[in-house]
């Protein structure tokens, strides 16, 4: 017999509802129907929709999908830039019960074909800019199930379109019902989206998100940023990347404004910031670097008081200093696709403001502490699963557990067990725990350079390279060495108009690093990057081996 608090106290629809971010849109439309929800473009030619209009379009999309027999257990893939249709897909697709699979717009056709087959997509919604790549991908599919094609013609796209000949997106919506009774998930554990990892070794893995995690991380974004009601959010971060770190749902929860940006460049960012009163934006270090390294006249036009998030490994001190000089408040977050994007934050303390810029930048560059609604984020010994000493020196692996963690990898039980089987999600990132409880990455396990038996953190060397005034971007990888096993090889991209020789860079590193940590080889040139601005180290490792 249960205890008294389990007797005659049933869970019913009156006292329990599954958590889902879809309710954020419903509420925004009910409470603020006339407020601006989405804006795409500048001036009189900008495309605008209110929260009531956005809700109606999302319900039309959901209704149209349901009319085609799409629902629970089905996948709808989208290959879209940051346009209004992409915002709509984040609500309309899961409203039908289907799962949203956002495809990286820079992928090659073979990889797209694999994802369409592996995810068993029944429909793909594609921007006309990418119709050519999608046609090739569809031709390379091995699956036999038909995939319906819906094409989005963005009025702001000025290039040529190589059309497939599918249904027009606006025609699809026109056939839907804006008052359609959309579906709450039967269980908050139901899948809401499918996101593929980069697949740098073998085929990419399909990361499955649930409604509960999406809603919880969306709210955590608000809490970490103290994000106000009606915030104006600039879409510099691709919505195909971890569902834009859950920010489509975050913006809806605040009844804010989605400022769409089809292609990221400094000029476009500043123009949108000024015209639409942007208050927040996110991005990889390279995105923020566009503003820091923009021409002085453009930098002077950046409005003060904007809040930005940067994710991943520690941004260099020069970037943090540069953002401060622009009047942009930078918050450092960290995460992975498997934890819905950011799941830790370098929460700032008021007493840090009194420190000099170098010390402050060092503190702000750490990966920090768990998100509000994440159960745990810590550094454990990967063998014993015991916490490492909080001494800032002993390395372990960053691990997560809690609601902000994927369901697992689609159709890959072995990989799911490896990632989650110990009761923790293993990130693969090596880090230390500081005495104040803040995590700091030292390297990816695969990026540690072992030279003569000594471990070298590529991040430590990269931080020194970024301090050189001529360096725009830098990455350090291991290069095979017959004597030492491995030595650091630095790939360096110089700022426009700047000059430096390999000897200059090596001398700079020797001044700040122990001799064995100093790169033995410097390679100049543009660094290969993903569509989200991350440097592709796997490509650089190949180049270093060939060299």
Protein backbone atom coordinates (compact mmCIF):
# COMPACT_ATOMS: atom_id res chain seq x y z
CA UNK A 1 0.00 0.00 0.00
CA UNK A 2 1.33 3.41 -0.96
CA UNK A 3 1.81 6.32 1.40
CA UNK A 4 -1.00 8.77 2.08
CA UNK A 5 0.25 11.17 -0.59
CA UNK A 6 -0.27 8.53 -3.26
CA UNK A 7 -3.84 7.70 -2.29
CA UNK A 8 -6.77 9.16 -4.24
CA UNK A 9 -4.59 11.86 -5.80
CA UNK A 10 -4.69 10.91 -9.48
CA UNK A 11 -2.85 12.55 -12.34
CA UNK A 12 -5.47 13.98 -14.71
CA UNK A 13 -5.66 16.50 -17.53
CA UNK A 14 -6.78 19.01 -14.91
CA UNK A 15 -3.51 18.88 -12.97
CA UNK A 16 -0.90 17.63 -15.43
CA UNK A 17 0.09 18.51 -19.00
CA UNK A 18 3.18 17.46 -20.95
CA UNK A 19 5.86 20.12 -21.20
CA UNK A 20 6.22 21.37 -24.77
CA UNK A 21 7.55 24.61 -26.29
CA UNK A 22 4.54 24.68 -28.62
CA UNK A 23 2.52 26.22 -25.81
CA UNK A 24 4.84 29.25 -25.88
CA UNK A 25 3.56 30.15 -29.34
CA UNK A 26 -0.06 29.62 -28.36
CA UNK A 27 0.32 31.93 -25.36
CA UNK A 28 2.20 34.64 -27.29
CA UNK A 29 -0.61 34.70 -29.87
CA UNK A 30 -3.29 34.85 -27.18
CA UNK A 31 -1.69 37.55 -25.03
CA UNK A 32 0.16 39.65 -27.64
CA UNK A 33 -1.66 38.96 -30.94
CA UNK A 34 -0.76 42.31 -32.50
CA UNK A 35 2.89 42.45 -31.50
CA UNK A 36 5.58 41.86 -34.10
CA UNK A 37 6.84 38.26 -34.10
CA UNK A 38 8.95 37.96 -37.27
CA UNK A 39 10.65 40.52 -39.51
CA UNK A 40 12.71 39.68 -42.57
CA UNK A 41 14.52 42.47 -44.39
CA UNK A 42 14.88 46.23 -44.16
CA UNK A 43 12.66 49.23 -44.85
CA UNK A 44 9.31 49.11 -46.59
CA UNK A 45 10.23 45.86 -48.35
CA UNK A 46 10.60 43.91 -45.10
CA UNK A 47 8.30 40.93 -44.51
CA UNK A 48 6.51 41.12 -41.18
CA UNK A 49 4.10 38.99 -39.20
CA UNK A 50 2.51 39.39 -35.79
CA UNK A 51 2.21 36.65 -33.21
CA UNK A 52 -1.41 36.03 -34.23
CA UNK A 53 -0.39 35.76 -37.89
CA UNK A 54 2.55 33.49 -37.09
CA UNK A 55 0.32 31.20 -35.03
CA UNK A 56 -2.19 31.03 -37.88
CA UNK A 57 0.50 30.14 -40.42
CA UNK A 58 1.95 27.45 -38.16
CA UNK A 59 -1.49 25.91 -37.71
CA UNK A 60 -2.00 25.99 -41.47
CA UNK A 61 1.29 24.15 -41.90
CA UNK A 62 0.37 21.55 -39.28
CA UNK A 63 -3.08 21.09 -40.83
CA UNK A 64 -1.62 20.66 -44.32
CA UNK A 65 0.85 18.04 -43.08
CA UNK A 66 -1.90 16.13 -41.30
CA UNK A 67 -4.03 16.20 -44.44
CA UNK A 68 -1.15 14.43 -46.22
CA UNK A 69 -1.13 11.73 -43.56
CA UNK A 70 1.92 13.04 -41.70
CA UNK A 71 1.88 12.77 -37.92
CA UNK A 72 3.39 10.93 -34.97
CA UNK A 73 6.41 8.86 -35.99
CA UNK A 74 6.95 10.70 -39.28
CA UNK A 75 9.89 12.94 -40.18
CA UNK A 76 9.68 16.25 -42.02
CA UNK A 77 13.11 17.47 -43.16
CA UNK A 78 13.77 21.14 -43.91
CA UNK A 79 16.73 22.75 -45.67
CA UNK A 80 16.23 26.43 -45.02
CA UNK A 81 18.27 29.49 -44.08
CA UNK A 82 17.15 31.78 -41.25
CA UNK A 83 13.92 32.92 -42.89
CA UNK A 84 10.29 33.14 -41.70
CA UNK A 85 9.57 29.67 -43.08
CA UNK A 86 12.25 28.22 -40.79
CA UNK A 87 10.63 29.85 -37.75
CA UNK A 88 7.27 28.42 -38.83
CA UNK A 89 8.71 24.93 -39.27
CA UNK A 90 9.83 24.85 -35.62
CA UNK A 91 6.19 25.03 -34.56
CA UNK A 92 4.09 23.81 -37.46
CA UNK A 93 5.87 20.50 -37.94
CA UNK A 94 5.70 19.31 -34.30
CA UNK A 95 2.13 20.68 -34.02
CA UNK A 96 1.17 17.97 -36.51
CA UNK A 97 2.85 15.36 -34.31
CA UNK A 98 5.70 14.88 -36.79
CA UNK A 99 9.41 15.30 -36.01
CA UNK A 100 11.39 18.21 -37.45
CA UNK A 101 14.74 17.38 -39.05
CA UNK A 102 16.70 20.56 -39.84
CA UNK A 103 19.40 19.99 -42.48
CA UNK A 104 22.65 21.94 -42.66
CA UNK A 105 22.41 24.10 -45.79
CA UNK A 106 26.11 23.60 -46.58
CA UNK A 107 26.11 19.82 -46.67
CA UNK A 108 27.04 17.87 -49.78
CA UNK A 109 24.29 15.92 -51.61
CA UNK A 110 25.61 12.51 -50.50
CA UNK A 111 25.37 13.45 -46.83
CA UNK A 112 21.91 14.94 -47.31
CA UNK A 113 20.83 11.72 -49.04
CA UNK A 114 22.07 9.67 -46.09
CA UNK A 115 20.13 11.85 -43.62
CA UNK A 116 16.91 11.70 -45.64
CA UNK A 117 17.16 7.90 -45.76
CA UNK A 118 18.32 7.38 -42.18
CA UNK A 119 15.68 9.75 -40.77
CA UNK A 120 13.03 8.23 -43.07
CA UNK A 121 11.85 11.67 -44.18
CA UNK A 122 8.44 11.70 -45.86
CA UNK A 123 8.63 15.35 -46.85
CA UNK A 124 11.41 17.86 -47.38
CA UNK A 125 10.85 21.62 -47.35
CA UNK A 126 13.70 23.33 -49.19
CA UNK A 127 14.61 26.92 -50.00
CA UNK A 128 14.99 27.44 -53.74
CA UNK A 129 18.65 28.44 -53.25
CA UNK A 130 19.35 24.83 -52.30
CA UNK A 131 17.00 23.09 -54.72
CA UNK A 132 19.89 21.99 -56.94
CA UNK A 133 21.73 20.30 -54.07
CA UNK A 134 18.47 18.73 -52.91
CA UNK A 135 17.73 17.36 -56.39
CA UNK A 136 21.14 15.64 -56.39
CA UNK A 137 20.56 14.32 -52.87
CA UNK A 138 17.18 12.86 -53.81
CA UNK A 139 18.79 11.15 -56.81
CA UNK A 140 21.43 9.58 -54.56
CA UNK A 141 18.98 8.19 -52.02
CA UNK A 142 19.01 4.44 -51.53
CA UNK A 143 15.59 4.33 -49.89
CA UNK A 144 12.51 3.61 -51.97
CA UNK A 145 9.92 5.51 -49.93
CA UNK A 146 8.75 8.64 -51.83
CA UNK A 147 9.73 12.03 -50.39
CA UNK A 148 7.40 14.90 -51.19
CA UNK A 149 9.24 18.12 -52.05
CA UNK A 150 7.97 21.55 -50.97
CA UNK A 151 9.92 24.59 -52.22
CA UNK A 152 10.14 27.93 -50.43
CA UNK A 153 10.66 30.99 -52.64
CA UNK A 154 12.07 33.68 -50.35
CA UNK A 155 11.38 37.12 -51.91
CA UNK A 156 14.69 38.37 -50.48
CA UNK A 157 16.76 35.74 -52.29
CA UNK A 158 18.40 37.43 -55.28
CA UNK A 159 20.22 34.47 -56.81
CA UNK A 160 19.10 32.01 -59.44
CA UNK A 161 16.87 29.13 -58.41
CA UNK A 162 17.30 25.64 -59.85
CA UNK A 163 13.81 24.39 -59.08
CA UNK A 164 12.91 20.77 -58.49
CA UNK A 165 9.28 21.34 -59.35
CA UNK A 166 7.68 20.43 -56.04
CA UNK A 167 4.74 22.02 -54.27
CA UNK A 168 5.12 25.72 -53.51
CA UNK A 169 5.27 26.40 -49.77
CA UNK A 170 2.61 29.12 -49.90
CA UNK A 171 0.32 26.73 -51.80
CA UNK A 172 0.87 24.13 -49.10
CA UNK A 173 -0.16 26.63 -46.41
CA UNK A 174 -3.10 27.87 -48.44
CA UNK A 175 -4.55 24.37 -48.26
CA UNK A 176 -4.29 24.30 -44.47
CA UNK A 177 -6.73 25.42 -41.79
CA UNK A 178 -5.57 28.26 -39.53
CA UNK A 179 -8.06 27.19 -36.82
CA UNK A 180 -6.97 23.54 -36.92
CA UNK A 181 -6.86 21.85 -33.50
CA UNK A 182 -3.17 20.97 -33.26
CA UNK A 183 -1.76 18.11 -31.21
CA UNK A 184 -0.13 18.34 -27.82
CA UNK A 185 2.35 15.48 -27.45
CA UNK A 186 0.82 12.49 -25.73
CA UNK A 187 3.99 12.32 -23.64
CA UNK A 188 6.60 15.03 -23.11
CA UNK A 189 9.20 12.33 -23.85
CA UNK A 190 7.90 12.21 -27.44
CA UNK A 191 10.40 13.31 -30.08
CA UNK A 192 10.17 16.92 -31.30
CA UNK A 193 13.25 17.14 -33.53
CA UNK A 194 16.13 15.25 -35.11
CA UNK A 195 19.57 16.86 -35.43
CA UNK A 196 22.53 15.20 -37.09
CA UNK A 197 26.05 15.50 -35.74
CA UNK A 198 28.84 16.65 -38.00
CA UNK A 199 29.90 13.12 -38.89
CA UNK A 200 33.63 13.83 -39.04
CA UNK A 201 34.33 10.10 -38.68
CA UNK A 202 31.89 7.85 -40.54
CA UNK A 203 28.23 8.65 -41.01
CA UNK A 204 26.67 11.38 -38.87
CA UNK A 205 24.58 10.32 -35.88
CA UNK A 206 20.95 11.39 -35.51
CA UNK A 207 20.38 13.11 -32.16
CA UNK A 208 16.74 12.93 -31.02
CA UNK A 209 15.29 15.72 -28.86
CA UNK A 210 12.12 15.43 -26.76
CA UNK A 211 9.45 18.06 -26.05
CA UNK A 212 10.40 18.27 -22.38
CA UNK A 213 14.05 19.02 -23.06
CA UNK A 214 13.22 21.58 -25.76
CA UNK A 215 10.87 23.46 -23.43
CA UNK A 216 13.25 23.31 -20.48
CA UNK A 217 16.28 24.51 -22.43
CA UNK A 218 14.22 27.31 -24.00
CA UNK A 219 13.32 28.54 -20.51
CA UNK A 220 16.90 28.08 -19.28
CA UNK A 221 18.07 30.39 -22.09
CA UNK A 222 15.79 33.07 -20.65
CA UNK A 223 17.07 32.54 -17.12
CA UNK A 224 20.77 32.55 -18.04
CA UNK A 225 20.39 35.81 -19.97
CA UNK A 226 17.69 37.46 -17.82
CA UNK A 227 16.05 37.83 -21.22
CA UNK A 228 13.25 40.43 -20.99
CA UNK A 229 9.78 40.29 -22.44
CA UNK A 230 9.64 41.38 -26.11
CA UNK A 231 13.39 40.99 -26.62
CA UNK A 232 14.50 41.52 -30.22
CA UNK A 233 16.59 38.56 -31.32
CA UNK A 234 18.83 38.63 -34.41
CA UNK A 235 19.19 35.26 -36.14
CA UNK A 236 22.93 35.04 -36.76
CA UNK A 237 23.02 31.49 -35.39
CA UNK A 238 21.69 28.96 -37.92
CA UNK A 239 18.36 27.50 -36.88
CA UNK A 240 19.49 24.20 -38.38
CA UNK A 241 22.18 23.98 -35.67
CA UNK A 242 20.70 22.36 -32.52
CA UNK A 243 17.40 24.00 -33.50
CA UNK A 244 19.12 27.35 -33.07
CA UNK A 245 20.06 26.38 -29.49
CA UNK A 246 16.28 26.20 -28.85
CA UNK A 247 15.93 29.96 -29.39
CA UNK A 248 12.94 29.76 -31.78
CA UNK A 249 11.05 28.47 -28.75
CA UNK A 250 12.81 30.89 -26.36
CA UNK A 251 11.77 33.93 -28.40
CA UNK A 252 8.16 32.69 -28.43
CA UNK A 253 8.22 32.29 -24.64
CA UNK A 254 9.15 35.98 -24.37
CA UNK A 255 6.82 37.09 -27.18
CA UNK A 256 9.91 38.70 -28.69
CA UNK A 257 10.87 39.48 -32.27
CA UNK A 258 12.65 37.08 -34.62
CA UNK A 259 14.86 39.24 -36.86
CA UNK A 260 15.71 36.94 -39.77
CA UNK A 261 19.07 37.10 -41.51
CA UNK A 262 19.55 35.00 -44.59
CA UNK A 263 23.33 35.36 -44.80
CA UNK A 264 25.63 36.53 -42.02
CA UNK A 265 28.01 39.44 -42.64
CA UNK A 266 29.01 42.41 -40.51
CA UNK A 267 27.28 45.01 -42.68
CA UNK A 268 23.97 43.13 -42.68
CA UNK A 269 24.14 42.53 -38.94
CA UNK A 270 24.71 46.19 -38.13
CA UNK A 271 21.95 47.42 -40.46
CA UNK A 272 19.41 45.07 -38.88
CA UNK A 273 20.60 45.93 -35.38
CA UNK A 274 20.02 49.62 -36.02
CA UNK A 275 16.70 49.43 -37.85
CA UNK A 276 14.97 46.82 -35.70
CA UNK A 277 16.45 47.63 -32.28
CA UNK A 278 18.15 44.27 -31.80
CA UNK A 279 18.80 43.42 -28.15
CA UNK A 280 20.22 39.87 -28.36
CA UNK A 281 22.07 37.54 -30.74
CA UNK A 282 24.14 34.33 -30.58
CA UNK A 283 26.98 32.83 -32.55
CA UNK A 284 30.29 31.04 -32.78
CA UNK A 285 33.45 33.11 -32.16
CA UNK A 286 33.84 33.87 -35.87
CA UNK A 287 30.47 35.68 -35.93
CA UNK A 288 31.45 37.99 -33.10
CA UNK A 289 34.86 38.40 -34.71
CA UNK A 290 33.15 39.86 -37.78
CA UNK A 291 32.04 42.81 -35.65
CA UNK A 292 35.27 43.14 -33.64
CA UNK A 293 37.34 43.20 -36.84
CA UNK A 294 34.92 45.27 -38.96
CA UNK A 295 36.11 48.62 -40.38
CA UNK A 296 36.06 51.39 -37.78
CA UNK A 297 33.19 53.37 -39.42
CA UNK A 298 30.99 50.26 -39.26
CA UNK A 299 31.98 49.46 -35.67
CA UNK A 300 31.00 52.98 -34.65
CA UNK A 301 27.45 52.33 -35.90
CA UNK A 302 26.88 49.30 -33.65
CA UNK A 303 24.25 50.20 -31.03
CA UNK A 304 25.43 49.96 -27.42
CA UNK A 305 23.81 47.63 -24.92
CA UNK A 306 23.36 44.53 -27.11
CA UNK A 307 23.75 41.18 -25.36
CA UNK A 308 25.49 38.34 -27.15
CA UNK A 309 26.18 34.67 -26.48
CA UNK A 310 29.28 32.85 -27.66
CA UNK A 311 29.56 29.07 -27.44
CA UNK A 312 32.17 26.38 -27.53
CA UNK A 313 35.75 26.42 -26.40
CA UNK A 314 37.06 29.50 -24.67
CA UNK A 315 36.87 32.64 -26.81
CA UNK A 316 40.24 34.38 -26.87
CA UNK A 317 40.80 37.26 -24.50
CA UNK A 318 41.20 39.58 -27.48
CA UNK A 319 37.61 38.84 -28.53
CA UNK A 320 36.20 39.44 -25.06
CA UNK A 321 38.10 42.72 -24.87
CA UNK A 322 36.97 43.65 -28.38
CA UNK A 323 33.30 43.00 -27.58
CA UNK A 324 33.54 45.11 -24.44
CA UNK A 325 35.00 47.96 -26.49
CA UNK A 326 31.93 47.75 -28.78
CA UNK A 327 29.58 47.99 -25.81
CA UNK A 328 28.34 44.40 -26.31
CA UNK A 329 27.86 42.30 -23.19
CA UNK A 330 29.18 38.81 -23.99
CA UNK A 331 28.00 35.67 -22.18
CA UNK A 332 29.97 32.48 -22.68
CA UNK A 333 27.98 29.22 -22.88
CA UNK A 334 28.98 25.67 -23.71
CA UNK A 335 27.29 22.53 -24.90
CA UNK A 336 26.91 20.02 -27.70
CA UNK A 337 24.22 18.85 -30.09
CA UNK A 338 23.42 16.05 -27.63
CA UNK A 339 22.47 18.58 -24.91
CA UNK A 340 20.31 20.88 -27.07
CA UNK A 341 23.14 23.35 -27.69
CA UNK A 342 24.20 25.30 -24.58
CA UNK A 343 23.86 23.51 -21.24
CA UNK A 344 26.43 25.38 -19.13
CA UNK A 345 27.02 29.10 -18.71
CA UNK A 346 29.88 31.18 -17.36
CA UNK A 347 27.67 33.01 -14.87
CA UNK A 348 29.26 36.38 -14.09
CA UNK A 349 29.82 37.83 -10.63
CA UNK A 350 29.65 41.51 -9.74
CA UNK A 351 33.09 41.48 -8.09
CA UNK A 352 34.67 40.46 -11.41
CA UNK A 353 34.00 44.00 -12.68
CA UNK A 354 36.74 45.38 -10.43
CA UNK A 355 39.39 43.15 -11.99
CA UNK A 356 41.69 44.17 -14.82
CA UNK A 357 40.61 43.21 -18.33
CA UNK A 358 43.04 40.31 -18.63
CA UNK A 359 41.89 38.63 -15.43
CA UNK A 360 38.24 39.34 -16.21
CA UNK A 361 38.59 37.89 -19.69
CA UNK A 362 40.18 34.78 -18.24
CA UNK A 363 37.27 34.23 -15.84
CA UNK A 364 34.65 34.92 -18.52
CA UNK A 365 36.29 32.47 -20.92
CA UNK A 366 35.49 29.44 -18.75
CA UNK A 367 32.63 27.10 -19.62
CA UNK A 368 31.12 27.73 -16.20
CA UNK A 369 28.31 26.00 -14.37
CA UNK A 370 25.18 24.02 -15.28
CA UNK A 371 22.16 25.69 -16.84
CA UNK A 372 19.37 26.45 -14.38
CA UNK A 373 17.21 23.49 -15.38
CA UNK A 374 19.97 20.99 -16.08
CA UNK A 375 20.40 18.40 -13.33
CA UNK A 376 24.19 18.27 -13.39
CA UNK A 377 27.26 19.26 -15.38
CA UNK A 378 30.60 18.30 -13.90
CA UNK A 379 34.09 16.94 -14.55
CA UNK A 380 34.59 13.25 -13.79
CA UNK A 381 37.40 10.77 -14.13
CA UNK A 382 36.31 8.88 -17.28
CA UNK A 383 37.44 5.55 -15.80
CA UNK A 384 36.02 5.74 -12.26
CA UNK A 385 33.24 8.32 -12.80
CA UNK A 386 34.43 10.07 -9.65
CA UNK A 387 34.72 13.88 -9.51
CA UNK A 388 38.21 15.19 -10.19
CA UNK A 389 39.74 17.45 -7.53
CA UNK A 390 38.57 21.06 -7.87
CA UNK A 391 42.15 22.30 -8.21
CA UNK A 392 42.09 23.81 -11.69
CA UNK A 393 44.75 21.32 -12.80
CA UNK A 394 43.48 17.74 -12.73
CA UNK A 395 41.85 16.85 -16.02
CA UNK A 396 38.76 14.75 -16.49
CA UNK A 397 35.83 14.56 -18.90
CA UNK A 398 32.86 16.91 -18.90
CA UNK A 399 29.67 14.93 -18.28
CA UNK A 400 26.00 15.87 -18.12
CA UNK A 401 22.81 14.40 -16.74
CA UNK A 402 19.28 15.72 -16.56
CA UNK A 403 16.41 16.93 -18.69
CA UNK A 404 18.57 18.86 -21.13
CA UNK A 405 19.94 15.72 -22.71
CA UNK A 406 18.95 13.86 -25.86
CA UNK A 407 16.75 10.77 -25.95
CA UNK A 408 19.62 9.06 -27.76
CA UNK A 409 20.94 8.41 -31.25
CA UNK A 410 18.37 7.37 -33.83
CA UNK A 411 18.60 3.69 -34.79
CA UNK A 412 22.01 3.40 -33.09
CA UNK A 413 21.58 1.58 -29.77
CA UNK A 414 25.28 0.86 -29.39
CA UNK A 415 26.25 4.54 -29.65
CA UNK A 416 23.38 5.45 -27.32
CA UNK A 417 24.62 2.97 -24.69
CA UNK A 418 28.19 4.27 -25.01
CA UNK A 419 27.05 7.86 -24.55
CA UNK A 420 24.44 7.38 -21.81
CA UNK A 421 24.94 3.91 -20.36
CA UNK A 422 26.81 5.02 -17.22
CA UNK A 423 24.03 7.38 -16.16
CA UNK A 424 25.97 10.34 -17.56
CA UNK A 425 26.28 11.78 -21.03
CA UNK A 426 29.96 11.73 -21.94
CA UNK A 427 30.90 14.86 -23.89
CA UNK A 428 34.40 13.80 -24.99
CA UNK A 429 35.70 17.19 -23.83
CA UNK A 430 38.60 17.25 -21.38
CA UNK A 431 38.44 19.89 -18.67
CA UNK A 432 39.39 20.90 -15.15
CA UNK A 433 37.20 21.97 -12.26
CA UNK A 434 38.22 25.21 -10.52
CA UNK A 435 37.88 25.74 -6.76
CA UNK A 436 34.83 27.97 -7.35
CA UNK A 437 33.03 25.12 -9.13
CA UNK A 438 33.51 26.48 -12.65
CA UNK A 439 34.41 24.13 -15.49
CA UNK A 440 37.14 25.01 -17.96
CA UNK A 441 37.82 23.02 -21.13
CA UNK A 442 41.38 22.11 -21.81
CA UNK A 443 40.79 20.19 -25.03
CA UNK A 444 38.77 17.63 -26.88
CA UNK A 445 40.08 14.18 -26.04
CA UNK A 446 41.00 13.73 -29.72
CA UNK A 447 42.70 17.15 -29.88
CA UNK A 448 45.18 16.68 -27.04
CA UNK A 449 48.73 16.67 -28.47
CA UNK A 450 51.09 14.18 -26.81
CA UNK A 451 54.65 15.26 -27.49
CA UNK A 452 57.49 13.31 -25.92
CA UNK A 453 55.06 11.98 -23.32
CA UNK A 454 53.85 15.47 -22.37
CA UNK A 455 50.22 16.50 -22.89
CA UNK A 456 49.79 19.80 -24.75
CA UNK A 457 46.43 21.57 -24.79
CA UNK A 458 45.71 22.87 -28.28
CA UNK A 459 43.39 25.46 -26.71
CA UNK A 460 46.20 26.86 -24.58
CA UNK A 461 48.41 27.32 -27.65
CA UNK A 462 45.53 28.81 -29.67
CA UNK A 463 44.85 31.35 -26.93
CA UNK A 464 48.45 32.56 -27.21
CA UNK A 465 48.21 32.76 -31.01
CA UNK A 466 45.09 34.92 -30.76
CA UNK A 467 47.04 37.43 -28.70
CA UNK A 468 49.24 38.21 -31.71
CA UNK A 469 47.89 41.45 -33.23
CA UNK A 470 47.99 40.12 -36.80
CA UNK A 471 46.03 36.90 -36.13
CA UNK A 472 42.36 36.72 -37.06
CA UNK A 473 41.83 32.99 -36.51
CA UNK A 474 44.01 30.12 -35.36
CA UNK A 475 43.85 26.38 -34.81
CA UNK A 476 46.44 23.96 -33.50
CA UNK A 477 46.55 20.22 -34.22
CA UNK A 478 49.02 17.39 -33.80
CA UNK A 479 51.56 16.77 -36.57
CA UNK A 480 53.34 13.41 -36.64
CA UNK A 481 56.98 13.64 -35.61
CA UNK A 482 59.54 10.81 -35.81
CA UNK A 483 61.29 11.88 -32.63
CA UNK A 484 58.57 13.28 -30.37
CA UNK A 485 55.60 11.31 -31.66
CA UNK A 486 53.60 14.50 -32.18
CA UNK A 487 54.34 18.22 -32.21
CA UNK A 488 51.99 21.20 -32.43
CA UNK A 489 51.20 22.49 -35.91
CA UNK A 490 49.50 25.90 -36.07
CA UNK A 491 47.18 27.02 -38.86
CA UNK A 492 46.85 30.78 -38.90
CA UNK A 493 44.52 33.15 -40.73
CA UNK A 494 45.75 36.74 -40.71
CA UNK A 495 43.63 39.87 -40.43
CA UNK A 496 43.04 41.76 -43.66
CA UNK A 497 46.01 44.01 -44.37
CA UNK A 498 48.12 42.47 -41.59
CA UNK A 499 51.49 40.80 -42.11
CA UNK A 500 53.46 38.25 -40.11
CA UNK A 501 56.00 35.54 -40.85
CA UNK A 502 56.24 32.05 -39.41
CA UNK A 503 59.28 33.20 -37.40
CA UNK A 504 57.23 36.09 -35.98
CA UNK A 505 54.47 33.73 -34.83
CA UNK A 506 56.89 31.18 -33.36
CA UNK A 507 58.81 33.89 -31.47
CA UNK A 508 55.51 35.21 -30.08
CA UNK A 509 54.58 31.72 -28.86
CA UNK A 510 58.00 31.11 -27.30
CA UNK A 511 57.56 34.29 -25.28
CA UNK A 512 54.36 32.94 -23.69
CA UNK A 513 54.72 29.14 -23.75
CA UNK A 514 57.08 26.43 -22.66
CA UNK A 515 59.37 25.35 -25.45
CA UNK A 516 57.74 21.96 -26.04
CA UNK A 517 54.33 23.65 -26.45
CA UNK A 518 55.55 26.06 -29.14
CA UNK A 519 54.35 25.12 -32.65
CA UNK A 520 57.09 23.68 -34.83
CA UNK A 521 55.23 24.52 -38.03
CA UNK A 522 53.04 27.49 -39.05
CA UNK A 523 50.69 27.25 -42.02
CA UNK A 524 49.07 30.47 -43.27
CA UNK A 525 45.75 30.65 -45.07
CA UNK A 526 41.99 30.70 -44.61
CA UNK A 527 40.84 28.08 -42.11
CA UNK A 528 38.14 25.57 -43.11
CA UNK A 529 34.98 26.20 -41.11
CA UNK A 530 31.57 24.66 -40.66
CA UNK A 531 28.42 26.60 -41.50
CA UNK A 532 28.18 27.59 -37.83
CA UNK A 533 31.69 29.06 -37.87
CA UNK A 534 33.51 26.24 -36.07
CA UNK A 535 36.97 25.46 -37.36
CA UNK A 536 37.14 21.97 -38.91
CA UNK A 537 40.05 20.46 -37.05
CA UNK A 538 39.61 17.07 -38.64
CA UNK A 539 40.44 18.67 -41.99
CA UNK A 540 43.47 20.40 -40.49
CA UNK A 541 44.68 17.13 -38.99
CA UNK A 542 44.68 15.64 -42.48
CA UNK A 543 46.65 18.59 -43.82
CA UNK A 544 49.15 18.39 -40.97
CA UNK A 545 49.70 14.69 -41.60
CA UNK A 546 50.25 15.34 -45.31
CA UNK A 547 52.73 18.09 -44.49
